[in-house]
C-alpha atoms as a PDB file:
ATOM      1  CA  UNK A   1     -22.278  15.604 -40.944  1.00  0.00           C
ATOM      2  CA  UNK A   2     -25.468  14.342 -39.319  1.00  0.00           C
ATOM      3  CA  UNK A   3     -25.363  13.139 -35.762  1.00  0.00           C
ATOM      4  CA  UNK A   4     -26.968   9.849 -34.725  1.00  0.00           C
ATOM      5  CA  UNK A   5     -30.139  10.079 -32.639  1.00  0.00           C
ATOM      6  CA  UNK A   6     -29.530  10.064 -28.914  1.00  0.00           C
ATOM      7  CA  UNK A   7     -31.439   6.809 -28.448  1.00  0.00           C
ATOM      8  CA  UNK A   8     -29.114   5.059 -30.875  1.00  0.00           C
ATOM      9  CA  UNK A   9     -26.073   6.540 -29.170  1.00  0.00           C
ATOM     10  CA  UNK A  10     -27.269   5.257 -25.792  1.00  0.00           C
ATOM     11  CA  UNK A  11     -27.969   1.717 -27.044  1.00  0.00           C
ATOM     12  CA  UNK A  12     -24.613   1.125 -28.657  1.00  0.00           C
ATOM     13  CA  UNK A  13     -22.882  -2.042 -27.335  1.00  0.00           C
ATOM     14  CA  UNK A  14     -19.529  -1.235 -25.854  1.00  0.00           C
ATOM     15  CA  UNK A  15     -16.790  -3.668 -26.857  1.00  0.00           C
ATOM     16  CA  UNK A  16     -15.482  -5.913 -24.089  1.00  0.00           C
ATOM     17  CA  UNK A  17     -11.852  -5.112 -23.299  1.00  0.00           C
ATOM     18  CA  UNK A  18      -9.591  -7.672 -24.937  1.00  0.00           C
ATOM     19  CA  UNK A  19      -7.513  -7.986 -21.806  1.00  0.00           C
ATOM     20  CA  UNK A  20     -10.476  -9.276 -19.728  1.00  0.00           C
ATOM     21  CA  UNK A  21     -11.638 -11.687 -22.469  1.00  0.00           C
ATOM     22  CA  UNK A  22      -8.143 -13.145 -22.869  1.00  0.00           C
ATOM     23  CA  UNK A  23      -7.760 -13.598 -19.134  1.00  0.00           C
ATOM     24  CA  UNK A  24     -11.054 -15.470 -18.729  1.00  0.00           C
ATOM     25  CA  UNK A  25     -10.180 -17.832 -21.561  1.00  0.00           C
ATOM     26  CA  UNK A  26      -6.974 -18.738 -19.788  1.00  0.00           C
ATOM     27  CA  UNK A  27      -8.448 -18.988 -16.291  1.00  0.00           C
ATOM     28  CA  UNK A  28     -11.697 -20.885 -17.030  1.00  0.00           C
ATOM     29  CA  UNK A  29     -10.080 -24.301 -17.795  1.00  0.00           C
ATOM     30  CA  UNK A  30      -8.033 -24.079 -14.592  1.00  0.00           C
ATOM     31  CA  UNK A  31     -11.174 -23.321 -12.590  1.00  0.00           C
ATOM     32  CA  UNK A  32     -12.693 -26.584 -13.836  1.00  0.00           C
ATOM     33  CA  UNK A  33      -9.470 -28.448 -12.987  1.00  0.00           C
ATOM     34  CA  UNK A  34      -9.113 -26.813  -9.566  1.00  0.00           C
ATOM     35  CA  UNK A  35     -11.051 -29.488  -7.555  1.00  0.00           C
ATOM     36  CA  UNK A  36      -9.006 -32.329  -9.093  1.00  0.00           C
ATOM     37  CA  UNK A  37      -5.753 -30.418  -8.621  1.00  0.00           C
ATOM     38  CA  UNK A  38      -6.632 -29.776  -4.977  1.00  0.00           C
ATOM     39  CA  UNK A  39      -7.420 -33.459  -4.333  1.00  0.00           C
ATOM     40  CA  UNK A  40      -4.224 -34.616  -6.058  1.00  0.00           C
ATOM     41  CA  UNK A  41      -2.217 -32.003  -4.199  1.00  0.00           C
ATOM     42  CA  UNK A  42      -3.537 -32.999  -0.778  1.00  0.00           C
ATOM     43  CA  UNK A  43      -3.578 -36.776  -1.185  1.00  0.00           C
ATOM     44  CA  UNK A  44      -0.726 -37.357  -3.651  1.00  0.00           C
ATOM     45  CA  UNK A  45       1.765 -34.512  -4.056  1.00  0.00           C
ATOM     46  CA  UNK A  46       1.934 -33.520  -0.372  1.00  0.00           C
ATOM     47  CA  UNK A  47       2.495 -37.108   0.895  1.00  0.00           C
ATOM     48  CA  UNK A  48       5.248 -37.611  -1.701  1.00  0.00           C
ATOM     49  CA  UNK A  49       6.986 -34.422  -0.568  1.00  0.00           C
ATOM     50  CA  UNK A  50       6.669 -35.452   3.089  1.00  0.00           C
ATOM     51  CA  UNK A  51       7.973 -38.965   2.381  1.00  0.00           C
ATOM     52  CA  UNK A  52      10.914 -37.482   0.462  1.00  0.00           C
ATOM     53  CA  UNK A  53      11.682 -35.265   3.461  1.00  0.00           C
ATOM     54  CA  UNK A  54      11.315 -38.098   5.990  1.00  0.00           C
ATOM     55  CA  UNK A  55      13.690 -40.327   4.022  1.00  0.00           C
ATOM     56  CA  UNK A  56      16.560 -38.009   4.996  1.00  0.00           C
ATOM     57  CA  UNK A  57      15.497 -37.658   8.639  1.00  0.00           C
ATOM     58  CA  UNK A  58      15.416 -39.853  11.717  1.00  0.00           C
ATOM     59  CA  UNK A  59      11.758 -38.919  12.011  1.00  0.00           C
ATOM     60  CA  UNK A  60       9.810 -39.730  15.172  1.00  0.00           C
ATOM     61  CA  UNK A  61       6.169 -39.745  14.230  1.00  0.00           C
ATOM     62  CA  UNK A  62       4.949 -39.441  17.831  1.00  0.00           C
ATOM     63  CA  UNK A  63       7.166 -36.421  18.516  1.00  0.00           C
ATOM     64  CA  UNK A  64       6.395 -34.974  15.087  1.00  0.00           C
ATOM     65  CA  UNK A  65      10.022 -34.088  14.408  1.00  0.00           C
ATOM     66  CA  UNK A  66      13.299 -35.684  13.409  1.00  0.00           C
ATOM     67  CA  UNK A  67      17.012 -35.109  13.082  1.00  0.00           C
ATOM     68  CA  UNK A  68      18.655 -34.871   9.671  1.00  0.00           C
ATOM     69  CA  UNK A  69      20.698 -38.029   8.988  1.00  0.00           C
ATOM     70  CA  UNK A  70      21.453 -37.677   5.274  1.00  0.00           C
ATOM     71  CA  UNK A  71      21.763 -41.009   3.449  1.00  0.00           C
ATOM     72  CA  UNK A  72      21.846 -43.158   6.582  1.00  0.00           C
ATOM     73  CA  UNK A  73      18.342 -44.496   5.981  1.00  0.00           C
ATOM     74  CA  UNK A  74      19.277 -45.631   2.483  1.00  0.00           C
ATOM     75  CA  UNK A  75      22.463 -47.260   3.785  1.00  0.00           C
ATOM     76  CA  UNK A  76      20.372 -49.134   6.338  1.00  0.00           C
ATOM     77  CA  UNK A  77      17.868 -50.533   3.859  1.00  0.00           C
ATOM     78  CA  UNK A  78      20.613 -51.510   1.403  1.00  0.00           C
ATOM     79  CA  UNK A  79      22.301 -53.477   4.175  1.00  0.00           C
ATOM     80  CA  UNK A  80      19.032 -55.136   5.218  1.00  0.00           C
ATOM     81  CA  UNK A  81      18.667 -58.687   3.898  1.00  0.00           C
ATOM     82  CA  UNK A  82      14.879 -58.446   4.192  1.00  0.00           C
ATOM     83  CA  UNK A  83      14.885 -55.486   1.812  1.00  0.00           C
ATOM     84  CA  UNK A  84      16.852 -57.445  -0.786  1.00  0.00           C
ATOM     85  CA  UNK A  85      14.536 -60.410  -0.343  1.00  0.00           C
ATOM     86  CA  UNK A  86      11.538 -58.137  -0.908  1.00  0.00           C
ATOM     87  CA  UNK A  87      13.195 -56.597  -3.972  1.00  0.00           C
ATOM     88  CA  UNK A  88      13.954 -60.037  -5.411  1.00  0.00           C
ATOM     89  CA  UNK A  89      10.358 -61.177  -4.831  1.00  0.00           C
ATOM     90  CA  UNK A  90       9.070 -58.038  -6.531  1.00  0.00           C
ATOM     91  CA  UNK A  91      11.267 -58.605  -9.595  1.00  0.00           C
ATOM     92  CA  UNK A  92      10.304 -62.277  -9.837  1.00  0.00           C
ATOM     93  CA  UNK A  93       6.626 -61.405  -9.457  1.00  0.00           C
ATOM     94  CA  UNK A  94       6.931 -58.786 -12.204  1.00  0.00           C
ATOM     95  CA  UNK A  95       8.728 -61.175 -14.557  1.00  0.00           C
ATOM     96  CA  UNK A  96       5.904 -63.701 -14.126  1.00  0.00           C
ATOM     97  CA  UNK A  97       3.046 -61.228 -14.514  1.00  0.00           C
ATOM     98  CA  UNK A  98       4.365 -58.977 -17.298  1.00  0.00           C
ATOM     99  CA  UNK A  99       4.442 -61.432 -20.249  1.00  0.00           C
ATOM    100  CA  UNK A 100       1.106 -62.958 -19.234  1.00  0.00           C
ATOM    101  CA  UNK A 101      -0.572 -59.560 -18.923  1.00  0.00           C
ATOM    102  CA  UNK A 102       0.799 -58.520 -22.308  1.00  0.00           C
ATOM    103  CA  UNK A 103      -0.078 -61.572 -24.389  1.00  0.00           C
ATOM    104  CA  UNK A 104      -3.075 -63.321 -22.764  1.00  0.00           C
ATOM    105  CA  UNK A 105      -5.399 -60.269 -22.979  1.00  0.00           C
ATOM    106  CA  UNK A 106      -4.220 -59.720 -26.559  1.00  0.00           C
ATOM    107  CA  UNK A 107      -5.229 -63.252 -27.555  1.00  0.00           C
ATOM    108  CA  UNK A 108      -8.598 -62.861 -25.829  1.00  0.00           C
ATOM    109  CA  UNK A 109      -9.149 -59.513 -27.552  1.00  0.00           C
ATOM    110  CA  UNK A 110      -8.464 -61.091 -30.953  1.00  0.00           C
ATOM    111  CA  UNK A 111     -10.937 -63.890 -30.199  1.00  0.00           C
ATOM    112  CA  UNK A 112     -13.786 -61.682 -28.955  1.00  0.00           C
ATOM    113  CA  UNK A 113     -13.203 -59.228 -31.811  1.00  0.00           C
ATOM    114  CA  UNK A 114     -14.421 -61.842 -34.277  1.00  0.00           C
ATOM    115  CA  UNK A 115     -17.928 -61.556 -35.653  1.00  0.00           C
ATOM    116  CA  UNK A 116     -19.306 -64.644 -33.991  1.00  0.00           C
ATOM    117  CA  UNK A 117     -22.460 -65.286 -32.026  1.00  0.00           C
ATOM    118  CA  UNK A 118     -22.107 -64.599 -28.304  1.00  0.00           C
ATOM    119  CA  UNK A 119     -18.933 -62.489 -28.565  1.00  0.00           C
ATOM    120  CA  UNK A 120     -20.539 -59.738 -26.471  1.00  0.00           C
ATOM    121  CA  UNK A 121     -21.338 -62.242 -23.734  1.00  0.00           C
ATOM    122  CA  UNK A 122     -17.725 -63.371 -23.567  1.00  0.00           C
ATOM    123  CA  UNK A 123     -16.559 -59.746 -23.324  1.00  0.00           C
ATOM    124  CA  UNK A 124     -18.771 -59.259 -20.280  1.00  0.00           C
ATOM    125  CA  UNK A 125     -17.636 -62.526 -18.676  1.00  0.00           C
ATOM    126  CA  UNK A 126     -13.955 -61.682 -19.159  1.00  0.00           C
ATOM    127  CA  UNK A 127     -14.497 -58.238 -17.632  1.00  0.00           C
ATOM    128  CA  UNK A 128     -16.292 -59.508 -14.510  1.00  0.00           C
ATOM    129  CA  UNK A 129     -13.056 -60.091 -12.512  1.00  0.00           C
ATOM    130  CA  UNK A 130     -12.153 -56.418 -12.984  1.00  0.00           C
ATOM    131  CA  UNK A 131     -15.271 -55.212 -11.181  1.00  0.00           C
ATOM    132  CA  UNK A 132     -15.058 -57.909  -8.519  1.00  0.00           C
ATOM    133  CA  UNK A 133     -13.768 -56.417  -5.229  1.00  0.00           C
ATOM    134  CA  UNK A 134     -10.304 -57.661  -4.336  1.00  0.00           C
ATOM    135  CA  UNK A 135     -11.501 -58.855  -0.919  1.00  0.00           C
ATOM    136  CA  UNK A 136     -14.078 -61.112  -2.568  1.00  0.00           C
ATOM    137  CA  UNK A 137     -11.580 -62.303  -5.177  1.00  0.00           C
ATOM    138  CA  UNK A 138      -8.940 -63.074  -2.537  1.00  0.00           C
ATOM    139  CA  UNK A 139     -11.363 -65.096  -0.407  1.00  0.00           C
ATOM    140  CA  UNK A 140     -12.541 -67.003  -3.464  1.00  0.00           C
ATOM    141  CA  UNK A 141      -9.001 -67.865  -4.547  1.00  0.00           C
ATOM    142  CA  UNK A 142      -8.048 -68.880  -1.004  1.00  0.00           C
ATOM    143  CA  UNK A 143     -10.865 -71.396  -1.145  1.00  0.00           C
ATOM    144  CA  UNK A 144      -9.718 -72.651  -4.555  1.00  0.00           C
ATOM    145  CA  UNK A 145      -6.118 -72.983  -3.341  1.00  0.00           C
ATOM    146  CA  UNK A 146      -7.035 -74.730  -0.081  1.00  0.00           C
ATOM    147  CA  UNK A 147      -6.244 -78.409   0.432  1.00  0.00           C
ATOM    148  CA  UNK A 148      -9.863 -79.297  -0.270  1.00  0.00           C
ATOM    149  CA  UNK A 149     -10.122 -76.844  -3.168  1.00  0.00           C
ATOM    150  CA  UNK A 150     -10.492 -77.547  -6.882  1.00  0.00           C
ATOM    151  CA  UNK A 151      -6.936 -76.556  -7.796  1.00  0.00           C
ATOM    152  CA  UNK A 152      -5.355 -78.812  -5.176  1.00  0.00           C
ATOM    153  CA  UNK A 153      -7.581 -81.675  -6.278  1.00  0.00           C
ATOM    154  CA  UNK A 154      -6.660 -81.098  -9.937  1.00  0.00           C
ATOM    155  CA  UNK A 155      -2.913 -81.096  -9.231  1.00  0.00           C
ATOM    156  CA  UNK A 156      -3.347 -84.247  -7.161  1.00  0.00           C
ATOM    157  CA  UNK A 157      -5.121 -86.052  -9.991  1.00  0.00           C
ATOM    158  CA  UNK A 158      -2.567 -85.159 -12.663  1.00  0.00           C
ATOM    159  CA  UNK A 159       0.291 -86.185 -10.384  1.00  0.00           C
ATOM    160  CA  UNK A 160       1.972 -82.859  -9.625  1.00  0.00           C
ATOM    161  CA  UNK A 161       1.508 -83.410  -5.866  1.00  0.00           C
ATOM    162  CA  UNK A 162       1.366 -86.657  -3.904  1.00  0.00           C
ATOM    163  CA  UNK A 163      -1.051 -85.283  -1.300  1.00  0.00           C
ATOM    164  CA  UNK A 164      -3.533 -82.387  -1.027  1.00  0.00           C
ATOM    165  CA  UNK A 165      -1.483 -79.173  -0.964  1.00  0.00           C
ATOM    166  CA  UNK A 166      -2.348 -75.544  -0.391  1.00  0.00           C
ATOM    167  CA  UNK A 167      -0.264 -73.539  -2.873  1.00  0.00           C
ATOM    168  CA  UNK A 168      -0.437 -70.419  -0.709  1.00  0.00           C
ATOM    169  CA  UNK A 169       1.386 -72.010   2.224  1.00  0.00           C
ATOM    170  CA  UNK A 170       4.246 -73.510   0.209  1.00  0.00           C
ATOM    171  CA  UNK A 171       7.323 -71.291  -0.181  1.00  0.00           C
ATOM    172  CA  UNK A 172       7.986 -72.669  -3.660  1.00  0.00           C
ATOM    173  CA  UNK A 173       4.490 -71.996  -5.021  1.00  0.00           C
ATOM    174  CA  UNK A 174       3.064 -69.077  -3.005  1.00  0.00           C
ATOM    175  CA  UNK A 175       4.369 -66.289  -5.254  1.00  0.00           C
ATOM    176  CA  UNK A 176       3.231 -68.108  -8.394  1.00  0.00           C
ATOM    177  CA  UNK A 177      -0.224 -68.586  -6.862  1.00  0.00           C
ATOM    178  CA  UNK A 178      -0.530 -64.888  -6.029  1.00  0.00           C
ATOM    179  CA  UNK A 179       0.647 -63.881  -9.504  1.00  0.00           C
ATOM    180  CA  UNK A 180      -2.153 -66.007 -10.989  1.00  0.00           C
ATOM    181  CA  UNK A 181      -4.679 -63.952  -9.004  1.00  0.00           C
ATOM    182  CA  UNK A 182      -3.171 -60.714 -10.356  1.00  0.00           C
ATOM    183  CA  UNK A 183      -3.281 -61.922 -13.958  1.00  0.00           C
ATOM    184  CA  UNK A 184      -6.866 -63.147 -13.593  1.00  0.00           C
ATOM    185  CA  UNK A 185      -7.966 -59.858 -12.009  1.00  0.00           C
ATOM    186  CA  UNK A 186      -6.562 -57.642 -14.765  1.00  0.00           C
ATOM    187  CA  UNK A 187      -7.310 -59.857 -17.750  1.00  0.00           C
ATOM    188  CA  UNK A 188     -10.552 -58.148 -18.781  1.00  0.00           C
ATOM    189  CA  UNK A 189      -9.223 -54.623 -18.259  1.00  0.00           C
ATOM    190  CA  UNK A 190      -6.219 -55.097 -20.533  1.00  0.00           C
ATOM    191  CA  UNK A 191      -8.394 -56.991 -23.027  1.00  0.00           C
ATOM    192  CA  UNK A 192     -10.551 -53.873 -23.450  1.00  0.00           C
ATOM    193  CA  UNK A 193      -7.433 -51.790 -24.178  1.00  0.00           C
ATOM    194  CA  UNK A 194      -6.355 -54.255 -26.870  1.00  0.00           C
ATOM    195  CA  UNK A 195      -9.890 -54.464 -28.216  1.00  0.00           C
ATOM    196  CA  UNK A 196      -9.954 -50.711 -28.762  1.00  0.00           C
ATOM    197  CA  UNK A 197      -6.637 -50.974 -30.608  1.00  0.00           C
ATOM    198  CA  UNK A 198      -7.880 -53.865 -32.770  1.00  0.00           C
ATOM    199  CA  UNK A 199     -10.990 -51.995 -33.831  1.00  0.00           C
ATOM    200  CA  UNK A 200      -8.842 -49.114 -35.060  1.00  0.00           C
ATOM    201  CA  UNK A 201      -6.988 -51.384 -37.518  1.00  0.00           C
ATOM    202  CA  UNK A 202      -8.521 -51.072 -41.025  1.00  0.00           C
ATOM    203  CA  UNK A 203     -10.149 -54.258 -42.296  1.00  0.00           C
ATOM    204  CA  UNK A 204      -8.614 -53.610 -45.714  1.00  0.00           C
ATOM    205  CA  UNK A 205      -5.220 -54.609 -44.339  1.00  0.00           C
ATOM    206  CA  UNK A 206      -6.459 -58.086 -43.388  1.00  0.00           C
ATOM    207  CA  UNK A 207      -8.383 -58.465 -46.654  1.00  0.00           C
ATOM    208  CA  UNK A 208      -5.230 -57.659 -48.627  1.00  0.00           C
ATOM    209  CA  UNK A 209      -3.297 -60.194 -46.554  1.00  0.00           C
ATOM    210  CA  UNK A 210      -5.968 -62.842 -47.295  1.00  0.00           C
ATOM    211  CA  UNK A 211      -5.674 -62.171 -51.012  1.00  0.00           C
ATOM    212  CA  UNK A 212      -1.888 -62.515 -50.786  1.00  0.00           C
ATOM    213  CA  UNK A 213      -2.345 -65.892 -49.094  1.00  0.00           C
ATOM    214  CA  UNK A 214      -1.149 -64.945 -45.599  1.00  0.00           C
ATOM    215  CA  UNK A 215      -2.101 -67.421 -42.892  1.00  0.00           C
ATOM    216  CA  UNK A 216      -3.868 -66.442 -39.660  1.00  0.00           C
ATOM    217  CA  UNK A 217      -0.596 -66.734 -37.739  1.00  0.00           C
ATOM    218  CA  UNK A 218       1.214 -64.521 -40.269  1.00  0.00           C
ATOM    219  CA  UNK A 219      -1.542 -61.930 -40.035  1.00  0.00           C
ATOM    220  CA  UNK A 220      -1.307 -61.989 -36.247  1.00  0.00           C
ATOM    221  CA  UNK A 221       2.488 -61.645 -36.090  1.00  0.00           C
ATOM    222  CA  UNK A 222       2.989 -59.258 -39.025  1.00  0.00           C
ATOM    223  CA  UNK A 223      -0.144 -57.102 -38.850  1.00  0.00           C
ATOM    224  CA  UNK A 224      -1.879 -57.358 -35.494  1.00  0.00           C
ATOM    225  CA  UNK A 225       1.121 -57.200 -33.157  1.00  0.00           C
ATOM    226  CA  UNK A 226       2.953 -54.359 -34.984  1.00  0.00           C
ATOM    227  CA  UNK A 227      -0.199 -52.249 -35.222  1.00  0.00           C
ATOM    228  CA  UNK A 228      -0.973 -52.873 -31.543  1.00  0.00           C
ATOM    229  CA  UNK A 229       2.407 -51.545 -30.433  1.00  0.00           C
ATOM    230  CA  UNK A 230       0.923 -48.430 -28.723  1.00  0.00           C
ATOM    231  CA  UNK A 231      -1.503 -50.659 -26.795  1.00  0.00           C
ATOM    232  CA  UNK A 232       1.315 -53.061 -25.895  1.00  0.00           C
ATOM    233  CA  UNK A 233       3.341 -50.127 -24.551  1.00  0.00           C
ATOM    234  CA  UNK A 234       0.421 -48.904 -22.454  1.00  0.00           C
ATOM    235  CA  UNK A 235      -0.348 -52.358 -21.044  1.00  0.00           C
ATOM    236  CA  UNK A 236       3.338 -53.005 -20.302  1.00  0.00           C
ATOM    237  CA  UNK A 237       3.817 -49.743 -18.417  1.00  0.00           C
ATOM    238  CA  UNK A 238       0.588 -50.219 -16.450  1.00  0.00           C
ATOM    239  CA  UNK A 239       1.604 -53.784 -15.563  1.00  0.00           C
ATOM    240  CA  UNK A 240       5.065 -52.685 -14.434  1.00  0.00           C
ATOM    241  CA  UNK A 241       3.647 -49.987 -12.183  1.00  0.00           C
ATOM    242  CA  UNK A 242       0.963 -52.291 -10.770  1.00  0.00           C
ATOM    243  CA  UNK A 243       3.439 -55.157 -10.337  1.00  0.00           C
ATOM    244  CA  UNK A 244       5.965 -52.999  -8.503  1.00  0.00           C
ATOM    245  CA  UNK A 245       3.350 -51.855  -5.992  1.00  0.00           C
ATOM    246  CA  UNK A 246       1.371 -55.085  -5.616  1.00  0.00           C
ATOM    247  CA  UNK A 247      -0.107 -55.269  -2.136  1.00  0.00           C
ATOM    248  CA  UNK A 248      -3.770 -56.230  -1.807  1.00  0.00           C
ATOM    249  CA  UNK A 249      -3.474 -59.723  -3.282  1.00  0.00           C
ATOM    250  CA  UNK A 250      -0.596 -60.597  -0.974  1.00  0.00           C
ATOM    251  CA  UNK A 251      -1.977 -58.924   2.144  1.00  0.00           C
ATOM    252  CA  UNK A 252      -5.322 -60.726   1.772  1.00  0.00           C
ATOM    253  CA  UNK A 253      -3.970 -64.176   0.907  1.00  0.00           C
ATOM    254  CA  UNK A 254      -0.513 -64.826   2.374  1.00  0.00           C
ATOM    255  CA  UNK A 255       0.292 -61.698   4.391  1.00  0.00           C
ATOM    256  CA  UNK A 256       3.850 -61.857   3.034  1.00  0.00           C
ATOM    257  CA  UNK A 257       4.461 -65.452   4.033  1.00  0.00           C
ATOM    258  CA  UNK A 258       5.295 -68.234   4.178  1.00  0.00           C
ATOM    259  CA  UNK A 259       8.737 -67.308   5.524  1.00  0.00           C
ATOM    260  CA  UNK A 260       8.803 -64.103   3.505  1.00  0.00           C
ATOM    261  CA  UNK A 261       8.299 -65.898   0.172  1.00  0.00           C
ATOM    262  CA  UNK A 262       5.698 -63.344  -0.946  1.00  0.00           C
ATOM    263  CA  UNK A 263       7.045 -60.271   0.838  1.00  0.00           C
ATOM    264  CA  UNK A 264       7.362 -57.586  -1.841  1.00  0.00           C
ATOM    265  CA  UNK A 265       8.706 -54.044  -1.550  1.00  0.00           C
ATOM    266  CA  UNK A 266       5.295 -52.631  -0.673  1.00  0.00           C
ATOM    267  CA  UNK A 267       4.828 -55.292   2.007  1.00  0.00           C
ATOM    268  CA  UNK A 268       8.272 -54.372   3.357  1.00  0.00           C
ATOM    269  CA  UNK A 269       7.311 -50.682   3.430  1.00  0.00           C
ATOM    270  CA  UNK A 270       3.985 -51.536   5.081  1.00  0.00           C
ATOM    271  CA  UNK A 271       5.773 -53.528   7.813  1.00  0.00           C
ATOM    272  CA  UNK A 272       8.120 -50.613   8.496  1.00  0.00           C
ATOM    273  CA  UNK A 273       5.223 -48.180   8.788  1.00  0.00           C
ATOM    274  CA  UNK A 274       3.469 -50.577  11.144  1.00  0.00           C
ATOM    275  CA  UNK A 275       6.517 -50.524  13.407  1.00  0.00           C
ATOM    276  CA  UNK A 276       6.502 -46.680  13.192  1.00  0.00           C
ATOM    277  CA  UNK A 277       9.875 -46.710  11.419  1.00  0.00           C
ATOM    278  CA  UNK A 278       8.613 -44.106   8.970  1.00  0.00           C
ATOM    279  CA  UNK A 279      12.032 -42.849   7.863  1.00  0.00           C
ATOM    280  CA  UNK A 280      13.140 -46.297   6.668  1.00  0.00           C
ATOM    281  CA  UNK A 281       9.732 -46.835   5.075  1.00  0.00           C
ATOM    282  CA  UNK A 282       9.961 -43.481   3.273  1.00  0.00           C
ATOM    283  CA  UNK A 283      13.457 -44.267   2.000  1.00  0.00           C
ATOM    284  CA  UNK A 284      12.280 -47.653   0.711  1.00  0.00           C
ATOM    285  CA  UNK A 285       9.280 -45.963  -0.891  1.00  0.00           C
ATOM    286  CA  UNK A 286      11.574 -43.529  -2.680  1.00  0.00           C
ATOM    287  CA  UNK A 287      13.645 -46.442  -3.979  1.00  0.00           C
ATOM    288  CA  UNK A 288      10.441 -48.113  -5.192  1.00  0.00           C
ATOM    289  CA  UNK A 289       9.396 -44.918  -6.988  1.00  0.00           C
ATOM    290  CA  UNK A 290      12.744 -44.649  -8.774  1.00  0.00           C
ATOM    291  CA  UNK A 291      12.649 -48.335  -9.775  1.00  0.00           C
ATOM    292  CA  UNK A 292       9.086 -48.063 -11.114  1.00  0.00           C
ATOM    293  CA  UNK A 293       9.895 -44.965 -13.169  1.00  0.00           C
ATOM    294  CA  UNK A 294      13.136 -46.501 -14.470  1.00  0.00           C
ATOM    295  CA  UNK A 295      11.483 -49.788 -15.436  1.00  0.00           C
ATOM    296  CA  UNK A 296       8.604 -47.971 -17.167  1.00  0.00           C
ATOM    297  CA  UNK A 297      10.966 -45.722 -19.149  1.00  0.00           C
ATOM    298  CA  UNK A 298      13.077 -48.738 -20.148  1.00  0.00           C
ATOM    299  CA  UNK A 299      10.011 -50.632 -21.347  1.00  0.00           C
ATOM    300  CA  UNK A 300       8.782 -47.609 -23.316  1.00  0.00           C
ATOM    301  CA  UNK A 301      12.188 -47.202 -24.946  1.00  0.00           C
ATOM    302  CA  UNK A 302      12.377 -50.895 -25.873  1.00  0.00           C
ATOM    303  CA  UNK A 303       8.857 -50.866 -27.323  1.00  0.00           C
ATOM    304  CA  UNK A 304       9.540 -47.644 -29.220  1.00  0.00           C
ATOM    305  CA  UNK A 305      12.723 -49.153 -30.716  1.00  0.00           C
ATOM    306  CA  UNK A 306      10.791 -52.244 -31.767  1.00  0.00           C
ATOM    307  CA  UNK A 307       8.125 -50.067 -33.388  1.00  0.00           C
ATOM    308  CA  UNK A 308      10.778 -48.129 -35.329  1.00  0.00           C
ATOM    309  CA  UNK A 309      12.348 -51.410 -36.533  1.00  0.00           C
ATOM    310  CA  UNK A 310       8.966 -52.671 -37.720  1.00  0.00           C
ATOM    311  CA  UNK A 311       8.272 -49.467 -39.604  1.00  0.00           C
ATOM    312  CA  UNK A 312      11.706 -49.617 -41.234  1.00  0.00           C
END
């Protein structure tokens, strides 16, 4: 048997060990994710762990230590009337914002999805509030809600009020006024989510419905809404989470007033942190986390059940 020339023997490519190749394939994606994981770990996971620990301590932030008190912090917040007022305001705020955030952007998405002249311009205009900084938006709405503002003047002309009224300083209207800011701010963002869902619906479905004589309303209720169920679920969950932790709109417009009418759970937690009562604030934050997760899971289950019924 002839031997290969030495030069050929020396230039043979040695196979890479399978063990090293397999390891690099597994490690490489994690190396790309490492910066994001580190940021989330430092600014999200670690604070949650610390807050969970503080909620069971009588923690003194100046001393940097605290005594274990078990469930005493939770007993204190559940016996605090201001906590229950904040919880009630949060639920009312969510009940006002949720249906509007689900259906108004859907209607806008259907309108701008039509092949009409200027539809792209309307998409941009509807999205402008999303990119507007909240500080600017809050100042603008405070001007609109003021006694000399357009909204007060409009309500005066149609007879809702007998005199110029600032909606943000009235206990009966302050929370409604703030919820309007939240809906306006997120309208374009949720519209884009629905628009993406609408463009994934085959046109053949609507053409078949037209041939069968279905009206526009029937097409909307029996085709559009059922086929947008995944988008509705996403928008609902995002609205619930955002509504449970609403803060900026209230802090910049009413500061929780008047007389606690717009004090939500996050405002309550913020006030406790300001007074250095970090253990109570952490316990309230843990309650807020549980409520947000529970409400989101409930909404997802309800939407999923509705989707199954529609398919059946």
